[in-house]
Amino acid sequence: MDDTITTERIERYFSLTAEARAKATPATRNPEDEIRLRIMVGMCDDYVADARHFMDAGDFVSAFGAINYAHAWLDAAVRIGLMDGHGDDRLFTLP
């Protein structure tokens, strides 16, 4: 088991999150859901920025945590039906 957080490992998660961000599409049905989704996607984007900041500062543990939080916001949006993950069970926990 490899439990070392490396630049390469964090970059892999940046790539997975970017792929998920590009793949998932809105599946909102009303204005209230659109607002909720905008907040969730905004949280994803904020955590991606935080992860990049931590990585640039050499804080790999915080970067790893932040990028995983970023992906989790997208995953949650797909799981609760605010986004469509297009059947991709590699990037998302599908409903």
C-alpha atoms as a PDB file:
ATOM      1  CA  MET A   1       0.000   0.000   0.000  1.00  0.00           C
ATOM      2  CA  ASP A   2       1.388   3.372  -1.023  1.00  0.00           C
ATOM      3  CA  ASP A   3       0.411   6.017   1.517  1.00  0.00           C
ATOM      4  CA  THR A   4       2.749   8.763   0.326  1.00  0.00           C
ATOM      5  CA  ILE A   5       1.202  11.981  -0.930  1.00  0.00           C
ATOM      6  CA  THR A   6       3.280  13.094  -3.886  1.00  0.00           C
ATOM      7  CA  THR A   7       2.946  15.847  -6.445  1.00  0.00           C
ATOM      8  CA  GLU A   8       2.095  13.191  -9.022  1.00  0.00           C
ATOM      9  CA  ARG A   9      -0.667  11.742  -6.863  1.00  0.00           C
ATOM     10  CA  ILE A  10      -2.218  15.155  -6.254  1.00  0.00           C
ATOM     11  CA  GLU A  11      -1.980  16.030  -9.954  1.00  0.00           C
ATOM     12  CA  ARG A  12      -3.775  12.772 -10.745  1.00  0.00           C
ATOM     13  CA  TYR A  13      -6.654  13.896  -8.527  1.00  0.00           C
ATOM     14  CA  PHE A  14      -6.642  17.349 -10.134  1.00  0.00           C
ATOM     15  CA  SER A  15      -6.998  15.575 -13.478  1.00  0.00           C
ATOM     16  CA  LEU A  16      -9.816  13.295 -12.267  1.00  0.00           C
ATOM     17  CA  THR A  17     -11.694  16.237 -10.796  1.00  0.00           C
ATOM     18  CA  ALA A  18     -11.293  18.276 -13.982  1.00  0.00           C
ATOM     19  CA  GLU A  19     -12.546  15.306 -15.994  1.00  0.00           C
ATOM     20  CA  ALA A  20     -15.562  14.948 -13.693  1.00  0.00           C
ATOM     21  CA  ARG A  21     -16.235  18.700 -13.838  1.00  0.00           C
ATOM     22  CA  ALA A  22     -16.243  18.575 -17.638  1.00  0.00           C
ATOM     23  CA  LYS A  23     -18.374  15.437 -17.865  1.00  0.00           C
ATOM     24  CA  ALA A  24     -21.177  16.180 -15.405  1.00  0.00           C
ATOM     25  CA  THR A  25     -23.980  18.315 -16.785  1.00  0.00           C
ATOM     26  CA  PRO A  26     -26.793  20.137 -15.014  1.00  0.00           C
ATOM     27  CA  ALA A  27     -29.964  18.144 -14.416  1.00  0.00           C
ATOM     28  CA  THR A  28     -31.916  20.763 -12.522  1.00  0.00           C
ATOM     29  CA  ARG A  29     -35.664  20.995 -12.808  1.00  0.00           C
ATOM     30  CA  ASN A  30     -36.416  24.327 -11.192  1.00  0.00           C
ATOM     31  CA  PRO A  31     -34.824  27.649 -10.221  1.00  0.00           C
ATOM     32  CA  GLU A  32     -34.250  26.535  -6.620  1.00  0.00           C
ATOM     33  CA  ASP A  33     -32.254  23.512  -7.801  1.00  0.00           C
ATOM     34  CA  GLU A  34     -30.275  25.744 -10.179  1.00  0.00           C
ATOM     35  CA  ILE A  35     -29.237  27.897  -7.214  1.00  0.00           C
ATOM     36  CA  ARG A  36     -28.277  24.817  -5.188  1.00  0.00           C
ATOM     37  CA  LEU A  37     -26.243  23.453  -8.072  1.00  0.00           C
ATOM     38  CA  ARG A  38     -24.487  26.780  -8.639  1.00  0.00           C
ATOM     39  CA  ILE A  39     -23.469  26.755  -4.957  1.00  0.00           C
ATOM     40  CA  MET A  40     -22.211  23.162  -5.141  1.00  0.00           C
ATOM     41  CA  VAL A  41     -20.206  23.740  -8.313  1.00  0.00           C
ATOM     42  CA  GLY A  42     -18.838  26.945  -6.799  1.00  0.00           C
ATOM     43  CA  MET A  43     -17.685  24.985  -3.763  1.00  0.00           C
ATOM     44  CA  CYS A  44     -15.950  22.514  -6.078  1.00  0.00           C
ATOM     45  CA  ASP A  45     -14.167  25.316  -7.890  1.00  0.00           C
ATOM     46  CA  ASP A  46     -13.181  26.990  -4.612  1.00  0.00           C
ATOM     47  CA  TYR A  47     -11.710  23.754  -3.263  1.00  0.00           C
ATOM     48  CA  VAL A  48      -9.780  23.208  -6.501  1.00  0.00           C
ATOM     49  CA  ALA A  49      -8.284  26.688  -6.082  1.00  0.00           C
ATOM     50  CA  ASP A  50      -7.505  25.962  -2.435  1.00  0.00           C
ATOM     51  CA  ALA A  51      -5.838  22.682  -3.381  1.00  0.00           C
ATOM     52  CA  ARG A  52      -3.654  24.452  -5.945  1.00  0.00           C
ATOM     53  CA  HIS A  53      -2.726  27.094  -3.365  1.00  0.00           C
ATOM     54  CA  PHE A  54      -1.764  24.445  -0.790  1.00  0.00           C
ATOM     55  CA  MET A  55       0.218  22.494  -3.356  1.00  0.00           C
ATOM     56  CA  ASP A  56       2.113  25.590  -4.476  1.00  0.00           C
ATOM     57  CA  ALA A  57       2.903  26.287  -0.821  1.00  0.00           C
ATOM     58  CA  GLY A  58       4.258  22.749  -0.386  1.00  0.00           C
ATOM     59  CA  ASP A  59       1.428  21.639   1.918  1.00  0.00           C
ATOM     60  CA  PHE A  60       0.658  18.363   0.171  1.00  0.00           C
ATOM     61  CA  VAL A  61      -1.589  16.973   2.907  1.00  0.00           C
ATOM     62  CA  SER A  62      -3.941  19.967   2.740  1.00  0.00           C
ATOM     63  CA  ALA A  63      -3.786  19.956  -1.076  1.00  0.00           C
ATOM     64  CA  PHE A  64      -4.764  16.289  -1.161  1.00  0.00           C
ATOM     65  CA  GLY A  65      -7.637  16.892   1.225  1.00  0.00           C
ATOM     66  CA  ALA A  66      -8.895  19.933  -0.664  1.00  0.00           C
ATOM     67  CA  ILE A  67      -8.861  18.291  -4.081  1.00  0.00           C
ATOM     68  CA  ASN A  68     -10.783  15.334  -2.694  1.00  0.00           C
ATOM     69  CA  TYR A  69     -13.356  17.715  -1.189  1.00  0.00           C
ATOM     70  CA  ALA A  70     -13.639  19.393  -4.596  1.00  0.00           C
ATOM     71  CA  HIS A  71     -14.442  16.110  -6.275  1.00  0.00           C
ATOM     72  CA  ALA A  72     -16.864  15.206  -3.498  1.00  0.00           C
ATOM     73  CA  TRP A  73     -18.985  18.294  -4.242  1.00  0.00           C
ATOM     74  CA  LEU A  74     -19.413  17.114  -7.836  1.00  0.00           C
ATOM     75  CA  ASP A  75     -20.031  13.552  -6.757  1.00  0.00           C
ATOM     76  CA  ALA A  76     -22.707  14.705  -4.314  1.00  0.00           C
ATOM     77  CA  ALA A  77     -24.411  16.803  -7.002  1.00  0.00           C
ATOM     78  CA  VAL A  78     -24.585  13.754  -9.263  1.00  0.00           C
ATOM     79  CA  ARG A  79     -25.714  11.504  -6.431  1.00  0.00           C
ATOM     80  CA  ILE A  80     -28.648  13.733  -5.463  1.00  0.00           C
ATOM     81  CA  GLY A  81     -29.670  14.324  -9.063  1.00  0.00           C
ATOM     82  CA  LEU A  82     -28.648  17.945  -9.601  1.00  0.00           C
ATOM     83  CA  MET A  83     -26.122  16.797 -12.208  1.00  0.00           C
ATOM     84  CA  ASP A  84     -26.027  13.957 -14.696  1.00  0.00           C
ATOM     85  CA  GLY A  85     -22.893  11.812 -14.484  1.00  0.00           C
ATOM     86  CA  HIS A  86     -23.783  10.110 -17.769  1.00  0.00           C
ATOM     87  CA  GLY A  87     -23.431   6.628 -16.303  1.00  0.00           C
ATOM     88  CA  ASP A  88     -19.762   7.066 -15.406  1.00  0.00           C
ATOM     89  CA  ASP A  89     -19.266   5.008 -12.268  1.00  0.00           C
ATOM     90  CA  ARG A  90     -15.505   5.615 -12.369  1.00  0.00           C
ATOM     91  CA  LEU A  91     -15.900   9.347 -11.739  1.00  0.00           C
ATOM     92  CA  PHE A  92     -19.121   9.357  -9.723  1.00  0.00           C
ATOM     93  CA  THR A  93     -21.112   7.431  -7.158  1.00  0.00           C
ATOM     94  CA  LEU A  94     -24.202   7.000  -9.263  1.00  0.00           C
ATOM     95  CA  PRO A  95     -27.729   7.049  -7.813  1.00  0.00           C
END
